[in-house]
Amino acid sequence: MKILMVTNGESECCPDAEVLKERGMLVYTCNDAIAEDMVVELSPDVVLVNPNVPSAGITKAYHKLLRHFKIPVVYTLAEDEQYLVNIRNKANKLVKLVTDNILDSIRNSVNIQIANKYRVRIA
């Protein structure tokens, strides 16, 4: 599984990236200024937006990713150590849910993606 981590600072990305790499996932990182280009180039399965400090640039990148791509986008809410999972359902409506760890956020986004692809319902 390919994960793209978008951040506005290198240091905040590392712990989550290491957890994912330990689980056998390919993790790529970039800053918010080139996020869209990296999504086009890499075609990741999931994008994790992991801001060092909330800023206009990272927020703008996050909303562009939600608008322009139909892949799961997970936003890290660092102050609460929670992850906001965003994915489009088969009716192209945005589905949002909150998880309390990075692995659950990936698992939930992939489960929704699979359900959409095969038109199955998950509980």
N, C-alpha and C. Protein backbone atom coordinates (compact mmCIF):
# COMPACT_ATOMS: atom_id res chain seq x y z
N MET A 1 0.85 -1.17 0.00
CA MET A 1 0.00 0.00 0.00
C MET A 1 0.90 1.23 0.00
N LYS A 2 0.56 2.21 -0.84
CA LYS A 2 1.31 3.47 -0.92
C LYS A 2 0.60 4.56 -0.15
N ILE A 3 1.34 5.21 0.72
CA ILE A 3 0.82 6.31 1.53
C ILE A 3 1.63 7.56 1.22
N LEU A 4 0.95 8.66 0.96
CA LEU A 4 1.62 9.94 0.80
C LEU A 4 1.32 10.78 2.03
N MET A 5 2.38 11.20 2.74
CA MET A 5 2.21 12.06 3.91
C MET A 5 2.57 13.49 3.51
N VAL A 6 1.60 14.38 3.68
CA VAL A 6 1.78 15.79 3.35
C VAL A 6 1.92 16.57 4.65
N THR A 7 2.95 17.38 4.73
CA THR A 7 3.18 18.14 5.95
C THR A 7 3.72 19.52 5.61
N ASN A 8 3.74 20.38 6.60
CA ASN A 8 4.38 21.68 6.43
C ASN A 8 5.61 21.79 7.31
N GLY A 9 6.10 20.65 7.77
CA GLY A 9 7.32 20.56 8.57
C GLY A 9 7.76 19.12 8.67
N GLU A 10 9.03 18.83 8.50
CA GLU A 10 9.53 17.46 8.46
C GLU A 10 9.39 16.70 9.77
N SER A 11 9.61 17.35 10.91
CA SER A 11 9.72 16.62 12.18
C SER A 11 8.43 15.92 12.59
N GLU A 12 7.28 16.50 12.31
CA GLU A 12 6.01 15.94 12.77
C GLU A 12 5.62 14.68 11.99
N CYS A 13 6.14 14.51 10.82
CA CYS A 13 5.78 13.40 9.95
C CYS A 13 6.41 12.08 10.39
N CYS A 14 7.55 12.13 10.98
CA CYS A 14 8.37 10.94 11.21
C CYS A 14 7.73 9.84 12.07
N PRO A 15 7.15 10.11 13.24
CA PRO A 15 6.62 9.00 14.05
C PRO A 15 5.52 8.20 13.33
N ASP A 16 4.57 8.87 12.71
CA ASP A 16 3.51 8.16 12.00
C ASP A 16 4.08 7.41 10.80
N ALA A 17 5.02 8.02 10.09
CA ALA A 17 5.64 7.37 8.93
C ALA A 17 6.35 6.09 9.36
N GLU A 18 7.04 6.14 10.48
CA GLU A 18 7.76 4.96 10.97
C GLU A 18 6.80 3.83 11.34
N VAL A 19 5.69 4.16 11.97
CA VAL A 19 4.68 3.15 12.33
C VAL A 19 4.17 2.46 11.06
N LEU A 20 3.88 3.24 10.04
CA LEU A 20 3.36 2.68 8.79
C LEU A 20 4.41 1.84 8.07
N LYS A 21 5.65 2.32 8.05
CA LYS A 21 6.74 1.56 7.41
C LYS A 21 6.95 0.22 8.11
N GLU A 22 6.85 0.21 9.44
CA GLU A 22 7.00 -1.03 10.20
C GLU A 22 5.92 -2.05 9.84
N ARG A 23 4.77 -1.56 9.37
CA ARG A 23 3.66 -2.43 8.97
C ARG A 23 3.74 -2.81 7.49
N GLY A 24 4.86 -2.46 6.84
CA GLY A 24 5.09 -2.87 5.46
C GLY A 24 4.52 -1.94 4.40
N MET A 25 4.13 -0.74 4.77
CA MET A 25 3.57 0.20 3.80
C MET A 25 4.68 1.07 3.21
N LEU A 26 4.51 1.45 1.96
CA LEU A 26 5.43 2.39 1.32
C LEU A 26 4.97 3.79 1.68
N VAL A 27 5.84 4.56 2.30
CA VAL A 27 5.47 5.90 2.77
C VAL A 27 6.35 6.93 2.07
N TYR A 28 5.70 7.88 1.41
CA TYR A 28 6.37 8.99 0.76
C TYR A 28 5.95 10.26 1.49
N THR A 29 6.84 11.23 1.59
CA THR A 29 6.50 12.48 2.24
C THR A 29 6.77 13.65 1.29
N CYS A 30 5.99 14.71 1.48
CA CYS A 30 6.20 15.94 0.71
C CYS A 30 5.62 17.10 1.51
N ASN A 31 5.93 18.31 1.07
CA ASN A 31 5.33 19.47 1.74
C ASN A 31 4.04 19.85 1.04
N ASP A 32 3.28 20.72 1.67
CA ASP A 32 1.96 21.08 1.17
C ASP A 32 2.00 21.78 -0.19
N ALA A 33 3.10 22.42 -0.53
CA ALA A 33 3.19 23.16 -1.79
C ALA A 33 3.17 22.25 -3.01
N ILE A 34 3.63 21.00 -2.87
CA ILE A 34 3.68 20.10 -4.03
C ILE A 34 2.77 18.88 -3.87
N ALA A 35 1.83 18.94 -2.94
CA ALA A 35 0.99 17.78 -2.65
C ALA A 35 0.22 17.27 -3.87
N GLU A 36 -0.42 18.17 -4.61
CA GLU A 36 -1.20 17.73 -5.77
C GLU A 36 -0.32 17.06 -6.82
N ASP A 37 0.84 17.63 -7.09
CA ASP A 37 1.77 17.04 -8.06
C ASP A 37 2.21 15.65 -7.63
N MET A 38 2.45 15.48 -6.34
CA MET A 38 2.88 14.18 -5.83
C MET A 38 1.77 13.13 -5.93
N VAL A 39 0.53 13.55 -5.70
CA VAL A 39 -0.59 12.61 -5.85
C VAL A 39 -0.67 12.13 -7.30
N VAL A 40 -0.53 13.04 -8.23
CA VAL A 40 -0.57 12.68 -9.65
C VAL A 40 0.58 11.74 -9.99
N GLU A 41 1.76 12.05 -9.50
CA GLU A 41 2.95 11.26 -9.82
C GLU A 41 2.93 9.87 -9.17
N LEU A 42 2.54 9.79 -7.90
CA LEU A 42 2.62 8.54 -7.15
C LEU A 42 1.38 7.66 -7.20
N SER A 43 0.21 8.27 -7.39
CA SER A 43 -1.07 7.55 -7.29
C SER A 43 -1.15 6.76 -5.99
N PRO A 44 -1.07 7.45 -4.84
CA PRO A 44 -1.11 6.73 -3.57
C PRO A 44 -2.50 6.17 -3.28
N ASP A 45 -2.55 5.18 -2.39
CA ASP A 45 -3.82 4.61 -1.97
C ASP A 45 -4.51 5.52 -0.96
N VAL A 46 -3.73 6.20 -0.15
CA VAL A 46 -4.24 7.09 0.89
C VAL A 46 -3.29 8.28 1.02
N VAL A 47 -3.86 9.47 1.27
CA VAL A 47 -3.05 10.65 1.56
C VAL A 47 -3.29 11.03 3.02
N LEU A 48 -2.19 11.21 3.76
CA LEU A 48 -2.27 11.67 5.15
C LEU A 48 -1.77 13.10 5.20
N VAL A 49 -2.62 14.02 5.61
CA VAL A 49 -2.23 15.40 5.79
C VAL A 49 -1.89 15.57 7.26
N ASN A 50 -0.62 15.82 7.53
CA ASN A 50 -0.11 15.79 8.89
C ASN A 50 0.60 17.12 9.18
N PRO A 51 -0.16 18.18 9.51
CA PRO A 51 0.47 19.49 9.69
C PRO A 51 1.32 19.58 10.97
N ASN A 52 2.47 20.20 10.82
CA ASN A 52 3.31 20.50 11.98
C ASN A 52 2.61 21.56 12.83
N VAL A 53 2.14 22.61 12.15
CA VAL A 53 1.36 23.68 12.76
C VAL A 53 0.25 24.02 11.77
N PRO A 54 -1.00 24.07 12.21
CA PRO A 54 -2.06 24.45 11.26
C PRO A 54 -1.74 25.79 10.60
N SER A 55 -1.89 25.82 9.28
CA SER A 55 -1.59 27.05 8.53
C SER A 55 -2.52 27.14 7.33
N ALA A 56 -2.55 28.30 6.72
CA ALA A 56 -3.39 28.49 5.54
C ALA A 56 -2.93 27.59 4.41
N GLY A 57 -1.63 27.40 4.26
CA GLY A 57 -1.10 26.57 3.17
C GLY A 57 -1.51 25.12 3.28
N ILE A 58 -1.40 24.54 4.46
CA ILE A 58 -1.75 23.14 4.64
C ILE A 58 -3.26 22.95 4.54
N THR A 59 -4.02 23.90 5.04
CA THR A 59 -5.48 23.83 4.93
C THR A 59 -5.92 23.92 3.47
N LYS A 60 -5.30 24.80 2.72
CA LYS A 60 -5.61 24.95 1.29
C LYS A 60 -5.27 23.66 0.54
N ALA A 61 -4.12 23.08 0.82
CA ALA A 61 -3.72 21.83 0.18
C ALA A 61 -4.71 20.71 0.50
N TYR A 62 -5.12 20.64 1.75
CA TYR A 62 -6.09 19.62 2.19
C TYR A 62 -7.40 19.73 1.41
N HIS A 63 -7.93 20.94 1.31
CA HIS A 63 -9.20 21.13 0.60
C HIS A 63 -9.07 20.88 -0.89
N LYS A 64 -7.93 21.21 -1.48
CA LYS A 64 -7.71 20.90 -2.90
C LYS A 64 -7.68 19.40 -3.13
N LEU A 65 -7.03 18.68 -2.24
CA LEU A 65 -6.97 17.22 -2.37
C LEU A 65 -8.37 16.62 -2.28
N LEU A 66 -9.19 17.12 -1.35
CA LEU A 66 -10.56 16.62 -1.21
C LEU A 66 -11.37 16.89 -2.48
N ARG A 67 -11.19 18.07 -3.06
CA ARG A 67 -11.96 18.45 -4.25
C ARG A 67 -11.53 17.73 -5.51
N HIS A 68 -10.23 17.57 -5.71
CA HIS A 68 -9.72 17.13 -7.00
C HIS A 68 -9.39 15.65 -7.13
N PHE A 69 -9.38 14.92 -6.04
CA PHE A 69 -8.99 13.52 -6.11
C PHE A 69 -10.02 12.64 -5.39
N LYS A 70 -10.19 11.43 -5.89
CA LYS A 70 -11.16 10.51 -5.30
C LYS A 70 -10.46 9.43 -4.49
N ILE A 71 -9.44 9.81 -3.76
CA ILE A 71 -8.75 8.88 -2.89
C ILE A 71 -8.98 9.32 -1.44
N PRO A 72 -8.84 8.41 -0.50
CA PRO A 72 -9.01 8.79 0.90
C PRO A 72 -7.98 9.83 1.33
N VAL A 73 -8.45 10.83 2.05
CA VAL A 73 -7.57 11.86 2.61
C VAL A 73 -7.81 11.88 4.12
N VAL A 74 -6.74 11.65 4.87
CA VAL A 74 -6.82 11.62 6.32
C VAL A 74 -6.09 12.85 6.86
N TYR A 75 -6.76 13.62 7.72
CA TYR A 75 -6.18 14.82 8.31
C TYR A 75 -5.87 14.55 9.78
N THR A 76 -4.64 14.75 10.18
CA THR A 76 -4.23 14.53 11.56
C THR A 76 -4.61 15.74 12.41
N LEU A 77 -5.37 15.48 13.45
CA LEU A 77 -5.72 16.51 14.43
C LEU A 77 -4.75 16.36 15.58
N ALA A 78 -3.59 16.95 15.44
CA ALA A 78 -2.46 16.71 16.35
C ALA A 78 -2.79 17.01 17.80
N GLU A 79 -3.56 18.06 18.04
CA GLU A 79 -3.82 18.44 19.43
C GLU A 79 -4.61 17.38 20.18
N ASP A 80 -5.39 16.57 19.47
CA ASP A 80 -6.19 15.52 20.11
C ASP A 80 -5.69 14.12 19.79
N GLU A 81 -4.62 14.02 19.00
CA GLU A 81 -4.14 12.73 18.51
C GLU A 81 -5.27 11.93 17.89
N GLN A 82 -6.05 12.60 17.04
CA GLN A 82 -7.13 11.95 16.31
C GLN A 82 -6.92 12.16 14.82
N TYR A 83 -7.58 11.34 14.02
CA TYR A 83 -7.43 11.37 12.58
C TYR A 83 -8.80 11.49 11.94
N LEU A 84 -8.98 12.51 11.12
CA LEU A 84 -10.23 12.74 10.41
C LEU A 84 -10.12 12.09 9.04
N VAL A 85 -10.90 11.03 8.81
CA VAL A 85 -10.86 10.27 7.56
C VAL A 85 -11.92 10.83 6.63
N ASN A 86 -11.52 11.17 5.40
CA ASN A 86 -12.44 11.69 4.40
C ASN A 86 -12.32 10.84 3.14
N ILE A 87 -13.44 10.33 2.66
CA ILE A 87 -13.43 9.55 1.42
C ILE A 87 -14.77 9.74 0.73
N ARG A 88 -14.75 9.73 -0.56
CA ARG A 88 -15.98 9.85 -1.33
C ARG A 88 -16.64 8.49 -1.46
N ASN A 89 -17.97 8.44 -1.24
CA ASN A 89 -18.68 7.18 -1.39
C ASN A 89 -19.09 7.00 -2.85
N LYS A 90 -19.80 5.91 -3.14
CA LYS A 90 -20.15 5.64 -4.54
C LYS A 90 -21.09 6.68 -5.12
N ALA A 91 -21.78 7.46 -4.30
CA ALA A 91 -22.63 8.55 -4.78
C ALA A 91 -21.85 9.87 -4.86
N ASN A 92 -20.52 9.79 -4.70
CA ASN A 92 -19.61 10.92 -4.77
C ASN A 92 -19.83 11.93 -3.64
N LYS A 93 -20.42 11.48 -2.54
CA LYS A 93 -20.60 12.34 -1.37
C LYS A 93 -19.46 12.06 -0.40
N LEU A 94 -19.02 13.10 0.29
CA LEU A 94 -17.91 12.97 1.21
C LEU A 94 -18.37 12.31 2.51
N VAL A 95 -17.70 11.23 2.88
CA VAL A 95 -17.95 10.52 4.13
C VAL A 95 -16.83 10.89 5.09
N LYS A 96 -17.19 11.29 6.31
CA LYS A 96 -16.18 11.67 7.30
C LYS A 96 -16.34 10.83 8.55
N LEU A 97 -15.22 10.41 9.11
CA LEU A 97 -15.24 9.74 10.40
C LEU A 97 -13.94 10.04 11.13
N VAL A 98 -13.95 9.88 12.43
CA VAL A 98 -12.79 10.18 13.26
C VAL A 98 -12.29 8.89 13.90
N THR A 99 -10.98 8.69 13.85
CA THR A 99 -10.37 7.55 14.52
C THR A 99 -9.33 8.07 15.51
N ASP A 100 -8.90 7.19 16.41
CA ASP A 100 -7.95 7.65 17.42
C ASP A 100 -6.53 7.14 17.19
N ASN A 101 -6.28 6.46 16.07
CA ASN A 101 -4.90 6.09 15.75
C ASN A 101 -4.73 5.96 14.25
N ILE A 102 -3.50 6.04 13.82
CA ILE A 102 -3.22 6.10 12.40
C ILE A 102 -3.57 4.80 11.68
N LEU A 103 -3.36 3.66 12.32
CA LEU A 103 -3.66 2.39 11.66
C LEU A 103 -5.15 2.22 11.42
N ASP A 104 -5.98 2.61 12.39
CA ASP A 104 -7.43 2.56 12.18
C ASP A 104 -7.87 3.50 11.07
N SER A 105 -7.22 4.66 10.97
CA SER A 105 -7.60 5.60 9.91
C SER A 105 -7.32 5.00 8.54
N ILE A 106 -6.19 4.33 8.38
CA ILE A 106 -5.86 3.67 7.11
C ILE A 106 -6.83 2.53 6.86
N ARG A 107 -7.05 1.70 7.86
CA ARG A 107 -7.95 0.54 7.71
C ARG A 107 -9.36 0.98 7.32
N ASN A 108 -9.89 2.00 7.99
CA ASN A 108 -11.24 2.47 7.68
C ASN A 108 -11.32 3.07 6.28
N SER A 109 -10.32 3.84 5.89
CA SER A 109 -10.37 4.44 4.55
C SER A 109 -10.29 3.38 3.47
N VAL A 110 -9.48 2.36 3.68
CA VAL A 110 -9.37 1.27 2.70
C VAL A 110 -10.65 0.45 2.67
N ASN A 111 -11.25 0.16 3.82
CA ASN A 111 -12.50 -0.59 3.85
C ASN A 111 -13.61 0.13 3.09
N ILE A 112 -13.71 1.44 3.27
CA ILE A 112 -14.73 2.21 2.55
C ILE A 112 -14.44 2.20 1.06
N GLN A 113 -13.16 2.31 0.70
CA GLN A 113 -12.77 2.29 -0.70
C GLN A 113 -13.14 0.96 -1.35
N ILE A 114 -12.89 -0.14 -0.66
CA ILE A 114 -13.22 -1.47 -1.19
C ILE A 114 -14.73 -1.62 -1.30
N ALA A 115 -15.45 -1.16 -0.30
CA ALA A 115 -16.91 -1.25 -0.34
C ALA A 115 -17.46 -0.47 -1.53
N ASN A 116 -16.90 0.69 -1.80
CA ASN A 116 -17.35 1.48 -2.96
C ASN A 116 -17.05 0.76 -4.27
N LYS A 117 -15.87 0.18 -4.35
CA LYS A 117 -15.46 -0.49 -5.60
C LYS A 117 -16.33 -1.70 -5.89
N TYR A 118 -16.63 -2.49 -4.89
CA TYR A 118 -17.39 -3.71 -5.10
C TYR A 118 -18.85 -3.59 -4.72
N ARG A 119 -19.26 -2.35 -4.39
CA ARG A 119 -20.65 -2.05 -4.08
C ARG A 119 -21.23 -2.95 -2.98
N VAL A 120 -20.44 -3.11 -1.93
CA VAL A 120 -20.90 -3.88 -0.78
C VAL A 120 -21.10 -2.94 0.38
N ARG A 121 -21.85 -3.35 1.33
CA ARG A 121 -22.13 -2.53 2.51
C ARG A 121 -21.29 -3.05 3.67
N ILE A 122 -20.65 -2.13 4.38
CA ILE A 122 -19.90 -2.56 5.56
C ILE A 122 -20.60 -2.05 6.79
N ALA A 123 -20.53 -2.83 7.86
CA ALA A 123 -21.23 -2.47 9.10
C ALA A 123 -20.49 -1.43 9.87
